[in-house]
Amino acid sequence: MVRCMAEGASYPILAEESRQEAVIQRSRFITTLAPAASVDAAREFVARIHAEFPDATHHCHAYVVGPPGCLAQVGMSDAGEPRGTAGRPMLDVLLHSGVGDVAGVVTRTFGGVKLGKGGLARAYAGCVKDALAGARLARKVAWAHLRLEVDYGALEAVRRLGAAFAVEVLAEEFGARVVLAVRLPEEHAERYAAALRDSSGGTAAIERVE
């Protein structure tokens, strides 16, 4: 099993909903993938696909909510297919895909040719794998918001340091000292704060803003 990423790490997600179709042994398989930032969103997506294809034979699904490979919030259903031939193979593909916050539904219309348990498992897993290969990805970033207070003499060093850690300056206030509201990826926050203290000779004041 793929290990869960550390809390606060950024990770790949789907940029948008996507769909692919395949015909396997005369059965039609429609694979729809969607971003799913919560279990409720995943379930709503599954229900919507059910409603879109009311006459389909099966609507098998799987979802992973959270970072890639994590089992904390997952779900699956064989939706009437033999046990273990649809939901589990689909979930296994999602868990090993390197993509998080993702839900998939494979809608099958039976074409009259039985695939057998092994054939079904390969078909459902293959459909999800192929759909992921063609999906456009984005990146989910967990942001840390900080309030910084620095001396004027340290401001240039602070700006250079910010560029190295992908820091975005949201606001600046110039008074007795310079006060900056910034955000940066959570995964960089601790190292950035340590580097900022070093570069300012320990004079920088750093406060997290919720």
Protein backbone atom coordinates (compact mmCIF):
# COMPACT_ATOMS: atom_id res chain seq x y z
CA MET A 1 0.00 0.00 0.00
CA VAL A 2 1.16 3.52 -0.80
CA ARG A 3 2.03 5.45 2.35
CA CYS A 4 -0.05 8.50 3.22
CA MET A 5 1.60 11.84 2.71
CA ALA A 6 2.43 13.97 5.71
CA GLU A 7 -0.34 16.26 6.93
CA GLY A 8 -0.19 19.58 5.12
CA ALA A 9 1.62 18.21 2.06
CA SER A 10 0.39 19.18 -1.38
CA TYR A 11 -0.64 16.45 -3.80
CA PRO A 12 -2.11 15.82 -7.27
CA ILE A 13 -5.88 15.97 -7.73
CA LEU A 14 -8.17 15.93 -10.74
CA ALA A 15 -8.52 19.32 -12.39
CA GLU A 16 -12.02 18.53 -13.64
CA GLU A 17 -14.55 15.78 -14.21
CA SER A 18 -13.74 13.48 -17.12
CA ARG A 19 -15.28 10.51 -18.91
CA GLN A 20 -14.17 7.65 -21.14
CA GLU A 21 -16.07 4.81 -22.80
CA ALA A 22 -15.04 1.30 -23.78
CA VAL A 23 -16.75 -1.78 -25.18
CA ILE A 24 -15.49 -5.07 -23.75
CA GLN A 25 -17.02 -8.32 -24.93
CA ARG A 26 -20.11 -6.38 -26.11
CA SER A 27 -20.66 -4.75 -22.71
CA ARG A 28 -20.47 -0.95 -22.65
CA PHE A 29 -18.38 0.54 -19.85
CA ILE A 30 -18.65 4.29 -19.15
CA THR A 31 -16.02 5.51 -16.68
CA THR A 32 -16.57 8.89 -15.04
CA LEU A 33 -14.00 10.43 -12.71
CA ALA A 34 -14.45 13.53 -10.57
CA PRO A 35 -12.65 15.49 -7.86
CA ALA A 36 -14.02 14.63 -4.41
CA ALA A 37 -12.85 16.82 -1.55
CA SER A 38 -15.21 15.15 0.93
CA VAL A 39 -17.12 11.91 1.42
CA ASP A 40 -20.38 13.79 0.90
CA ALA A 41 -19.10 15.15 -2.43
CA ALA A 42 -18.10 11.63 -3.52
CA ARG A 43 -21.51 10.21 -2.61
CA GLU A 44 -23.34 13.05 -4.37
CA PHE A 45 -21.26 12.42 -7.49
CA VAL A 46 -22.10 8.70 -7.42
CA ALA A 47 -25.81 9.46 -7.04
CA ARG A 48 -25.69 11.92 -9.94
CA ILE A 49 -24.15 9.34 -12.28
CA HIS A 50 -26.80 6.81 -11.22
CA ALA A 51 -29.48 9.32 -12.16
CA GLU A 52 -27.80 10.11 -15.48
CA PHE A 53 -27.88 6.46 -16.62
CA PRO A 54 -31.00 5.00 -14.99
CA ASP A 55 -31.21 2.02 -17.38
CA ALA A 56 -27.63 0.79 -16.91
CA THR A 57 -27.06 -2.68 -15.49
CA HIS A 58 -24.49 -1.65 -12.87
CA HIS A 59 -23.03 1.55 -11.38
CA CYS A 60 -19.88 0.42 -9.59
CA HIS A 61 -17.87 3.01 -7.71
CA ALA A 62 -14.84 3.73 -5.58
CA TYR A 63 -13.43 6.87 -3.99
CA VAL A 64 -10.43 8.09 -2.01
CA VAL A 65 -10.86 11.30 -0.03
CA GLY A 66 -7.61 12.77 1.21
CA PRO A 67 -3.98 12.36 0.12
CA PRO A 68 -3.05 9.62 -2.36
CA GLY A 69 -2.93 6.13 -0.88
CA CYS A 70 -4.66 6.98 2.41
CA LEU A 71 -7.35 4.63 3.70
CA ALA A 72 -8.94 7.00 6.23
CA GLN A 73 -11.85 7.95 3.95
CA VAL A 74 -12.45 5.45 1.18
CA GLY A 75 -15.52 3.77 -0.24
CA MET A 76 -16.44 1.21 -2.88
CA SER A 77 -19.34 -0.80 -4.21
CA ASP A 78 -19.73 -3.77 -6.56
CA ALA A 79 -23.28 -2.57 -7.28
CA GLY A 80 -24.59 -6.06 -7.98
CA GLU A 81 -21.54 -7.48 -9.72
CA PRO A 82 -20.01 -10.59 -8.07
CA ARG A 83 -18.33 -9.66 -4.81
CA GLY A 84 -14.82 -8.28 -5.22
CA THR A 85 -14.96 -7.97 -9.01
CA ALA A 86 -15.60 -4.22 -9.36
CA GLY A 87 -15.37 -1.93 -6.32
CA ARG A 88 -12.17 -3.43 -4.92
CA PRO A 89 -10.25 -3.47 -8.23
CA MET A 90 -11.34 0.12 -8.86
CA LEU A 91 -10.30 1.22 -5.37
CA ASP A 92 -6.92 -0.48 -5.71
CA VAL A 93 -6.22 1.50 -8.89
CA LEU A 94 -7.21 4.78 -7.23
CA LEU A 95 -5.10 4.09 -4.15
CA HIS A 96 -2.00 3.43 -6.24
CA SER A 97 -2.59 6.21 -8.77
CA GLY A 98 -0.77 8.97 -6.90
CA VAL A 99 -3.96 11.09 -7.10
CA GLY A 100 -5.97 12.16 -4.06
CA ASP A 101 -9.53 13.41 -3.51
CA VAL A 102 -10.84 11.32 -6.39
CA ALA A 103 -14.05 9.40 -7.10
CA GLY A 104 -14.86 7.10 -9.97
CA VAL A 105 -18.00 5.43 -11.27
CA VAL A 106 -17.95 2.72 -13.94
CA THR A 107 -21.39 2.37 -15.48
CA ARG A 108 -21.90 -0.95 -17.26
CA THR A 109 -24.56 -1.97 -19.73
CA PHE A 110 -24.50 -5.75 -20.14
CA GLY A 111 -23.98 -6.88 -23.71
CA GLY A 112 -24.92 -10.53 -23.36
CA VAL A 113 -21.45 -12.04 -22.91
CA LYS A 114 -20.39 -13.04 -19.41
CA LEU A 115 -16.84 -11.98 -18.53
CA GLY A 116 -16.29 -14.19 -15.49
CA LYS A 117 -14.91 -12.90 -12.19
CA GLY A 118 -11.38 -12.44 -13.48
CA GLY A 119 -12.57 -10.74 -16.63
CA LEU A 120 -14.79 -8.37 -14.67
CA ALA A 121 -11.99 -7.41 -12.27
CA ARG A 122 -9.64 -6.70 -15.18
CA ALA A 123 -12.30 -4.72 -17.01
CA TYR A 124 -13.22 -2.48 -14.09
CA ALA A 125 -9.63 -1.90 -13.02
CA GLY A 126 -8.54 -1.27 -16.61
CA CYS A 127 -11.32 1.24 -17.22
CA VAL A 128 -10.32 3.31 -14.20
CA LYS A 129 -6.63 3.09 -15.06
CA ASP A 130 -7.24 4.23 -18.62
CA ALA A 131 -9.49 7.08 -17.49
CA LEU A 132 -6.86 8.30 -15.02
CA ALA A 133 -4.20 8.19 -17.72
CA GLY A 134 -6.25 10.58 -19.82
CA ALA A 135 -7.35 12.90 -17.00
CA ARG A 136 -6.03 16.42 -16.54
CA LEU A 137 -4.44 16.98 -13.14
CA ALA A 138 -4.04 19.95 -10.83
CA ARG A 139 -2.39 20.26 -7.44
CA LYS A 140 -4.03 20.69 -4.05
CA VAL A 141 -2.07 22.94 -1.75
CA ALA A 142 -2.59 23.35 2.00
CA TRP A 143 -1.74 26.96 2.84
CA ALA A 144 -0.11 28.33 5.99
CA HIS A 145 -0.93 31.98 6.74
CA LEU A 146 1.64 33.95 8.73
CA ARG A 147 1.98 37.46 10.16
CA LEU A 148 5.57 38.65 10.05
CA GLU A 149 7.09 41.64 11.79
CA VAL A 150 10.64 42.56 10.74
CA ASP A 151 13.09 45.44 10.89
CA TYR A 152 13.53 47.58 7.79
CA GLY A 153 17.15 46.46 7.49
CA ALA A 154 16.03 42.83 7.16
CA LEU A 155 13.30 43.45 4.59
CA GLU A 156 15.36 42.74 1.48
CA ALA A 157 16.65 39.48 2.96
CA VAL A 158 13.07 38.54 3.85
CA ARG A 159 11.95 39.13 0.26
CA ARG A 160 14.74 36.98 -1.15
CA LEU A 161 13.95 34.23 1.32
CA GLY A 162 10.28 34.37 0.39
CA ALA A 163 11.08 33.69 -3.24
CA ALA A 164 12.94 30.52 -2.26
CA PHE A 165 9.94 29.18 -0.31
CA ALA A 166 7.11 30.19 -2.70
CA VAL A 167 5.84 32.82 -0.24
CA GLU A 168 3.03 35.11 -1.41
CA VAL A 169 2.83 38.53 0.23
CA LEU A 170 -0.84 39.37 0.80
CA ALA A 171 -0.42 42.73 2.57
CA GLU A 172 2.29 45.05 3.86
CA GLU A 173 2.18 47.71 6.57
CA PHE A 174 5.03 50.15 7.18
CA GLY A 175 5.33 51.58 10.67
CA ALA A 176 7.98 51.33 13.34
CA ARG A 177 8.68 47.93 11.78
CA VAL A 178 7.42 46.25 8.61
CA VAL A 179 4.40 43.97 9.09
CA LEU A 180 3.63 41.47 6.34
CA ALA A 181 0.71 39.10 5.88
CA VAL A 182 1.92 36.14 3.84
CA ARG A 183 0.92 32.66 2.82
CA LEU A 184 2.99 29.69 1.67
CA PRO A 185 2.54 25.94 1.23
CA GLU A 186 2.10 24.32 4.64
CA GLU A 187 4.83 21.81 3.87
CA HIS A 188 7.38 24.67 3.73
CA ALA A 189 6.16 26.63 6.76
CA GLU A 190 8.44 25.28 9.50
CA ARG A 191 11.59 25.47 7.40
CA TYR A 192 10.69 28.97 6.25
CA ALA A 193 10.12 30.19 9.80
CA ALA A 194 13.47 28.76 10.92
CA ALA A 195 15.28 30.33 7.97
CA LEU A 196 13.58 33.67 8.59
CA ARG A 197 14.71 33.72 12.20
CA ASP A 198 18.27 32.95 11.12
CA SER A 199 18.34 35.58 8.38
CA SER A 200 16.96 38.28 10.71
CA GLY A 201 19.32 37.44 13.57
CA GLY A 202 16.37 36.29 15.66
CA THR A 203 14.60 39.67 15.48
CA ALA A 204 11.71 38.60 13.22
CA ALA A 205 8.37 38.03 14.93
CA ILE A 206 6.38 35.21 13.33
CA GLU A 207 2.77 34.45 14.15
CA ARG A 208 0.39 31.94 12.60
CA VAL A 209 -2.95 33.31 11.47
CA GLU A 210 -5.85 30.85 11.39
